Amino acid sequence: MPNIMPQEIEVWYLIPALRRELAKILVKDYGLNQKKSSEILGITESAVSQYLKSIRGSEIKFSKKDLGEIKKSAKSIANKGNPMREIYDLCVKLRKSKVICDLHKSRDKSIAKNCDVCFE
């Protein structure tokens, strides 16, 4: 199996996990329905439903600190902010997160224990 790039971890795991949290916050905290949340996030209603049930995007569990950042982004999105910009900015902030590094190492056994590619 070829090496998994950190960017692939972001695409396969981080972005879905961020969408999961954002969808949950938009529905529960801001009272948006699944249809409106899906329109705002640019995903299907069924994707929002799966995120709300943690069927999709459940491989990453965020720290309280990370959840705080996600809630700030959800607030911006709920107030007509740019969802793509918010998700991108969250990816940049979380790129150096230990949770991403640990997930990457668990999915690609060829990565050295002391890998610091994302921290250079």
N, C-alpha and C. Protein backbone atom coordinates (compact mmCIF):
# COMPACT_ATOMS: atom_id res chain seq x y z
N MET A 1 0.84 -1.18 0.00
CA MET A 1 0.00 0.00 0.00
C MET A 1 0.89 1.25 0.00
N PRO A 2 0.59 2.21 -0.87
CA PRO A 2 1.41 3.43 -0.91
C PRO A 2 1.22 4.26 0.36
N ASN A 3 2.20 5.11 0.60
CA ASN A 3 2.10 6.00 1.76
C ASN A 3 0.88 6.90 1.62
N ILE A 4 0.28 7.19 2.74
CA ILE A 4 -0.85 8.11 2.78
C ILE A 4 -0.31 9.50 3.10
N MET A 5 -0.67 10.46 2.29
CA MET A 5 -0.22 11.83 2.49
C MET A 5 -1.08 12.51 3.57
N PRO A 6 -0.52 13.45 4.32
CA PRO A 6 -1.31 14.17 5.31
C PRO A 6 -2.54 14.84 4.71
N GLN A 7 -2.43 15.30 3.47
CA GLN A 7 -3.56 15.94 2.81
C GLN A 7 -4.71 14.96 2.59
N GLU A 8 -4.37 13.69 2.37
CA GLU A 8 -5.42 12.68 2.20
C GLU A 8 -6.16 12.46 3.51
N ILE A 9 -5.46 12.52 4.62
CA ILE A 9 -6.11 12.42 5.92
C ILE A 9 -7.10 13.57 6.09
N GLU A 10 -6.71 14.75 5.67
CA GLU A 10 -7.61 15.91 5.75
C GLU A 10 -8.87 15.67 4.92
N VAL A 11 -8.70 15.21 3.69
CA VAL A 11 -9.83 15.02 2.79
C VAL A 11 -10.73 13.88 3.26
N TRP A 12 -10.14 12.76 3.63
CA TRP A 12 -10.91 11.58 3.98
C TRP A 12 -11.53 11.62 5.38
N TYR A 13 -10.85 12.30 6.32
CA TYR A 13 -11.29 12.24 7.71
C TYR A 13 -11.58 13.61 8.33
N LEU A 14 -10.68 14.58 8.16
CA LEU A 14 -10.85 15.86 8.83
C LEU A 14 -12.04 16.65 8.30
N ILE A 15 -12.12 16.81 6.99
CA ILE A 15 -13.22 17.60 6.43
C ILE A 15 -14.58 16.97 6.77
N PRO A 16 -14.76 15.67 6.62
CA PRO A 16 -16.04 15.09 7.03
C PRO A 16 -16.33 15.29 8.53
N ALA A 17 -15.31 15.19 9.37
CA ALA A 17 -15.52 15.39 10.81
C ALA A 17 -15.90 16.85 11.11
N LEU A 18 -15.28 17.78 10.39
CA LEU A 18 -15.64 19.19 10.56
C LEU A 18 -17.07 19.45 10.10
N ARG A 19 -17.43 18.87 8.97
CA ARG A 19 -18.81 19.02 8.48
C ARG A 19 -19.80 18.43 9.49
N ARG A 20 -19.43 17.29 10.08
CA ARG A 20 -20.29 16.67 11.10
C ARG A 20 -20.54 17.64 12.23
N GLU A 21 -19.49 18.20 12.78
CA GLU A 21 -19.64 19.11 13.91
C GLU A 21 -20.39 20.38 13.52
N LEU A 22 -20.06 20.93 12.35
CA LEU A 22 -20.75 22.14 11.91
C LEU A 22 -22.24 21.88 11.70
N ALA A 23 -22.58 20.76 11.07
CA ALA A 23 -23.99 20.42 10.86
C ALA A 23 -24.72 20.28 12.19
N LYS A 24 -24.09 19.59 13.14
CA LYS A 24 -24.71 19.43 14.47
C LYS A 24 -24.95 20.78 15.13
N ILE A 25 -23.97 21.65 15.07
CA ILE A 25 -24.10 22.96 15.72
C ILE A 25 -25.16 23.80 15.01
N LEU A 26 -25.15 23.80 13.69
CA LEU A 26 -26.14 24.60 12.96
C LEU A 26 -27.56 24.14 13.26
N VAL A 27 -27.76 22.84 13.37
CA VAL A 27 -29.10 22.31 13.65
C VAL A 27 -29.47 22.51 15.12
N LYS A 28 -28.59 22.14 16.03
CA LYS A 28 -28.94 22.16 17.45
C LYS A 28 -28.84 23.56 18.06
N ASP A 29 -27.79 24.29 17.76
CA ASP A 29 -27.59 25.59 18.41
C ASP A 29 -28.25 26.75 17.67
N TYR A 30 -28.38 26.63 16.36
CA TYR A 30 -28.93 27.74 15.58
C TYR A 30 -30.32 27.44 15.01
N GLY A 31 -30.84 26.25 15.31
CA GLY A 31 -32.21 25.92 14.94
C GLY A 31 -32.47 25.77 13.44
N LEU A 32 -31.41 25.55 12.68
CA LEU A 32 -31.60 25.36 11.25
C LEU A 32 -32.05 23.93 10.98
N ASN A 33 -32.88 23.75 9.96
CA ASN A 33 -33.27 22.39 9.62
C ASN A 33 -32.19 21.77 8.73
N GLN A 34 -32.34 20.48 8.47
CA GLN A 34 -31.31 19.77 7.70
C GLN A 34 -31.17 20.34 6.29
N LYS A 35 -32.29 20.72 5.69
CA LYS A 35 -32.24 21.26 4.33
C LYS A 35 -31.43 22.55 4.29
N LYS A 36 -31.73 23.47 5.20
CA LYS A 36 -31.01 24.75 5.23
C LYS A 36 -29.53 24.53 5.55
N SER A 37 -29.24 23.64 6.49
CA SER A 37 -27.85 23.32 6.84
C SER A 37 -27.10 22.75 5.64
N SER A 38 -27.78 21.88 4.89
CA SER A 38 -27.14 21.28 3.72
C SER A 38 -26.85 22.34 2.66
N GLU A 39 -27.79 23.26 2.47
CA GLU A 39 -27.58 24.33 1.50
C GLU A 39 -26.40 25.21 1.90
N ILE A 40 -26.34 25.56 3.16
CA ILE A 40 -25.26 26.42 3.65
C ILE A 40 -23.90 25.74 3.52
N LEU A 41 -23.84 24.46 3.88
CA LEU A 41 -22.57 23.73 3.86
C LEU A 41 -22.22 23.18 2.48
N GLY A 42 -23.15 23.26 1.54
CA GLY A 42 -22.89 22.78 0.19
C GLY A 42 -22.81 21.27 0.08
N ILE A 43 -23.63 20.59 0.89
CA ILE A 43 -23.67 19.13 0.88
C ILE A 43 -25.13 18.70 0.79
N THR A 44 -25.37 17.42 0.63
CA THR A 44 -26.75 16.93 0.50
C THR A 44 -27.43 16.84 1.87
N GLU A 45 -28.76 16.84 1.81
CA GLU A 45 -29.53 16.65 3.05
C GLU A 45 -29.22 15.29 3.68
N SER A 46 -29.05 14.27 2.84
CA SER A 46 -28.74 12.95 3.39
C SER A 46 -27.38 12.94 4.08
N ALA A 47 -26.43 13.73 3.57
CA ALA A 47 -25.13 13.83 4.23
C ALA A 47 -25.31 14.47 5.61
N VAL A 48 -26.11 15.54 5.69
CA VAL A 48 -26.36 16.17 6.99
C VAL A 48 -27.00 15.16 7.93
N SER A 49 -27.96 14.41 7.45
CA SER A 49 -28.62 13.39 8.28
C SER A 49 -27.60 12.38 8.81
N GLN A 50 -26.70 11.94 7.94
CA GLN A 50 -25.68 10.97 8.36
C GLN A 50 -24.70 11.60 9.34
N TYR A 51 -24.37 12.87 9.15
CA TYR A 51 -23.49 13.56 10.10
C TYR A 51 -24.17 13.67 11.46
N LEU A 52 -25.46 14.01 11.48
CA LEU A 52 -26.18 14.17 12.74
C LEU A 52 -26.26 12.84 13.50
N LYS A 53 -26.30 11.74 12.77
CA LYS A 53 -26.36 10.41 13.39
C LYS A 53 -24.97 9.82 13.62
N SER A 54 -23.94 10.59 13.29
CA SER A 54 -22.54 10.15 13.39
C SER A 54 -22.28 8.88 12.58
N ILE A 55 -23.00 8.72 11.49
CA ILE A 55 -22.76 7.61 10.56
C ILE A 55 -21.57 7.95 9.68
N ARG A 56 -21.43 9.22 9.40
CA ARG A 56 -20.37 9.72 8.53
C ARG A 56 -19.52 10.71 9.32
N GLY A 57 -18.22 10.70 9.07
CA GLY A 57 -17.33 11.69 9.68
C GLY A 57 -17.08 11.47 11.16
N SER A 58 -17.15 10.23 11.61
CA SER A 58 -17.04 9.97 13.05
C SER A 58 -15.67 9.43 13.49
N GLU A 59 -14.70 9.42 12.59
CA GLU A 59 -13.39 8.87 12.94
C GLU A 59 -12.57 9.80 13.82
N ILE A 60 -12.90 11.08 13.83
CA ILE A 60 -12.13 12.04 14.63
C ILE A 60 -12.99 12.57 15.76
N LYS A 61 -12.42 12.55 16.95
CA LYS A 61 -13.04 13.17 18.12
C LYS A 61 -12.20 14.39 18.47
N PHE A 62 -12.85 15.54 18.51
CA PHE A 62 -12.14 16.79 18.74
C PHE A 62 -12.01 17.10 20.23
N SER A 63 -10.94 17.79 20.57
CA SER A 63 -10.73 18.26 21.94
C SER A 63 -11.70 19.41 22.22
N LYS A 64 -11.84 19.77 23.47
CA LYS A 64 -12.70 20.91 23.83
C LYS A 64 -12.21 22.19 23.17
N LYS A 65 -10.90 22.36 23.11
CA LYS A 65 -10.32 23.53 22.47
C LYS A 65 -10.70 23.57 20.99
N ASP A 66 -10.54 22.43 20.32
CA ASP A 66 -10.88 22.36 18.90
C ASP A 66 -12.37 22.60 18.69
N LEU A 67 -13.20 22.04 19.55
CA LEU A 67 -14.65 22.25 19.45
C LEU A 67 -15.00 23.72 19.62
N GLY A 68 -14.26 24.41 20.46
CA GLY A 68 -14.47 25.84 20.63
C GLY A 68 -14.21 26.60 19.33
N GLU A 69 -13.15 26.22 18.63
CA GLU A 69 -12.84 26.84 17.34
C GLU A 69 -13.92 26.52 16.30
N ILE A 70 -14.40 25.30 16.33
CA ILE A 70 -15.45 24.89 15.40
C ILE A 70 -16.74 25.67 15.68
N LYS A 71 -17.04 25.87 16.96
CA LYS A 71 -18.24 26.65 17.32
C LYS A 71 -18.13 28.09 16.84
N LYS A 72 -16.93 28.67 16.92
CA LYS A 72 -16.73 30.03 16.40
C LYS A 72 -17.00 30.07 14.90
N SER A 73 -16.52 29.07 14.20
CA SER A 73 -16.76 29.01 12.75
C SER A 73 -18.23 28.81 12.45
N ALA A 74 -18.90 27.97 13.23
CA ALA A 74 -20.33 27.74 13.03
C ALA A 74 -21.11 29.05 13.23
N LYS A 75 -20.70 29.82 14.22
CA LYS A 75 -21.35 31.11 14.47
C LYS A 75 -21.18 32.02 13.26
N SER A 76 -19.98 32.08 12.73
CA SER A 76 -19.72 32.89 11.54
C SER A 76 -20.57 32.41 10.37
N ILE A 77 -20.62 31.10 10.17
CA ILE A 77 -21.41 30.53 9.08
C ILE A 77 -22.89 30.85 9.26
N ALA A 78 -23.40 30.70 10.47
CA ALA A 78 -24.81 30.99 10.76
C ALA A 78 -25.14 32.46 10.51
N ASN A 79 -24.13 33.33 10.66
CA ASN A 79 -24.31 34.76 10.43
C ASN A 79 -23.88 35.17 9.02
N LYS A 80 -24.05 34.25 8.06
CA LYS A 80 -23.79 34.49 6.64
C LYS A 80 -22.31 34.53 6.26
N GLY A 81 -21.46 33.96 7.12
CA GLY A 81 -20.05 33.85 6.77
C GLY A 81 -19.85 32.82 5.66
N ASN A 82 -18.66 32.75 5.13
CA ASN A 82 -18.34 31.86 4.03
C ASN A 82 -17.96 30.47 4.57
N PRO A 83 -18.83 29.46 4.37
CA PRO A 83 -18.54 28.11 4.89
C PRO A 83 -17.23 27.53 4.36
N MET A 84 -16.94 27.76 3.08
CA MET A 84 -15.71 27.22 2.52
C MET A 84 -14.50 27.83 3.21
N ARG A 85 -14.52 29.12 3.43
CA ARG A 85 -13.42 29.81 4.11
C ARG A 85 -13.27 29.28 5.53
N GLU A 86 -14.39 29.12 6.23
CA GLU A 86 -14.34 28.65 7.62
C GLU A 86 -13.77 27.23 7.71
N ILE A 87 -14.22 26.35 6.82
CA ILE A 87 -13.71 24.97 6.84
C ILE A 87 -12.23 24.95 6.47
N TYR A 88 -11.85 25.75 5.49
CA TYR A 88 -10.44 25.83 5.12
C TYR A 88 -9.60 26.32 6.30
N ASP A 89 -10.05 27.40 6.95
CA ASP A 89 -9.30 27.94 8.09
C ASP A 89 -9.20 26.93 9.22
N LEU A 90 -10.28 26.18 9.46
CA LEU A 90 -10.23 25.13 10.49
C LEU A 90 -9.22 24.05 10.12
N CYS A 91 -9.17 23.67 8.86
CA CYS A 91 -8.19 22.67 8.41
C CYS A 91 -6.77 23.16 8.68
N VAL A 92 -6.53 24.43 8.39
CA VAL A 92 -5.19 24.99 8.62
C VAL A 92 -4.87 24.96 10.11
N LYS A 93 -5.82 25.37 10.96
CA LYS A 93 -5.60 25.38 12.41
C LYS A 93 -5.36 23.97 12.95
N LEU A 94 -6.13 23.02 12.43
CA LEU A 94 -6.07 21.65 12.97
C LEU A 94 -4.99 20.80 12.30
N ARG A 95 -4.38 21.31 11.27
CA ARG A 95 -3.35 20.56 10.54
C ARG A 95 -2.24 20.10 11.48
N LYS A 96 -1.91 20.91 12.44
CA LYS A 96 -0.83 20.58 13.37
C LYS A 96 -1.35 19.92 14.64
N SER A 97 -2.58 19.49 14.60
CA SER A 97 -3.21 18.86 15.76
C SER A 97 -2.70 17.43 15.95
N LYS A 98 -2.52 17.06 17.18
CA LYS A 98 -2.09 15.69 17.50
C LYS A 98 -3.12 14.66 17.03
N VAL A 99 -4.39 15.02 17.06
CA VAL A 99 -5.42 14.08 16.64
C VAL A 99 -5.24 13.69 15.17
N ILE A 100 -4.86 14.64 14.35
CA ILE A 100 -4.62 14.35 12.93
C ILE A 100 -3.38 13.47 12.78
N CYS A 101 -2.34 13.81 13.51
CA CYS A 101 -1.10 13.05 13.46
C CYS A 101 -1.33 11.60 13.91
N ASP A 102 -2.02 11.43 15.01
CA ASP A 102 -2.30 10.08 15.52
C ASP A 102 -3.13 9.26 14.53
N LEU A 103 -4.14 9.91 13.94
CA LEU A 103 -4.97 9.22 12.96
C LEU A 103 -4.14 8.82 11.74
N HIS A 104 -3.28 9.72 11.30
CA HIS A 104 -2.42 9.43 10.15
C HIS A 104 -1.53 8.22 10.45
N LYS A 105 -0.92 8.22 11.61
CA LYS A 105 -0.03 7.10 11.98
C LYS A 105 -0.80 5.79 12.11
N SER A 106 -2.05 5.86 12.55
CA SER A 106 -2.83 4.63 12.69
C SER A 106 -3.26 4.08 11.33
N ARG A 107 -3.36 4.94 10.33
CA ARG A 107 -3.78 4.52 9.00
C ARG A 107 -2.61 4.16 8.09
N ASP A 108 -1.43 4.64 8.41
CA ASP A 108 -0.25 4.37 7.59
C ASP A 108 0.89 3.92 8.51
N LYS A 109 1.07 2.62 8.60
CA LYS A 109 2.05 2.04 9.53
C LYS A 109 3.49 2.33 9.12
N SER A 110 3.71 2.85 7.92
CA SER A 110 5.07 3.13 7.48
C SER A 110 5.59 4.47 8.02
N ILE A 111 4.73 5.24 8.66
CA ILE A 111 5.15 6.54 9.18
C ILE A 111 5.96 6.35 10.46
N ALA A 112 7.09 7.01 10.51
CA ALA A 112 7.96 6.92 11.69
C ALA A 112 7.27 7.53 12.91
N LYS A 113 7.56 6.98 14.07
CA LYS A 113 6.98 7.49 15.32
C LYS A 113 7.30 8.96 15.54
N ASN A 114 8.48 9.37 15.09
CA ASN A 114 8.91 10.76 15.31
C ASN A 114 8.67 11.64 14.08
N CYS A 115 7.74 11.27 13.23
CA CYS A 115 7.42 12.06 12.03
C CYS A 115 7.02 13.47 12.44
N ASP A 116 7.56 14.45 11.71
CA ASP A 116 7.22 15.84 11.99
C ASP A 116 6.96 16.63 10.71
N VAL A 117 6.55 15.94 9.66
CA VAL A 117 6.33 16.57 8.37
C VAL A 117 5.37 17.75 8.48
N CYS A 118 4.29 17.59 9.22
CA CYS A 118 3.28 18.65 9.33
C CYS A 118 3.71 19.79 10.23
N PHE A 119 4.80 19.62 10.93
CA PHE A 119 5.24 20.63 11.90
C PHE A 119 6.45 21.40 11.43
N GLU A 120 6.95 21.10 10.25
CA GLU A 120 8.15 21.77 9.74
C GLU A 120 7.80 23.15 9.22
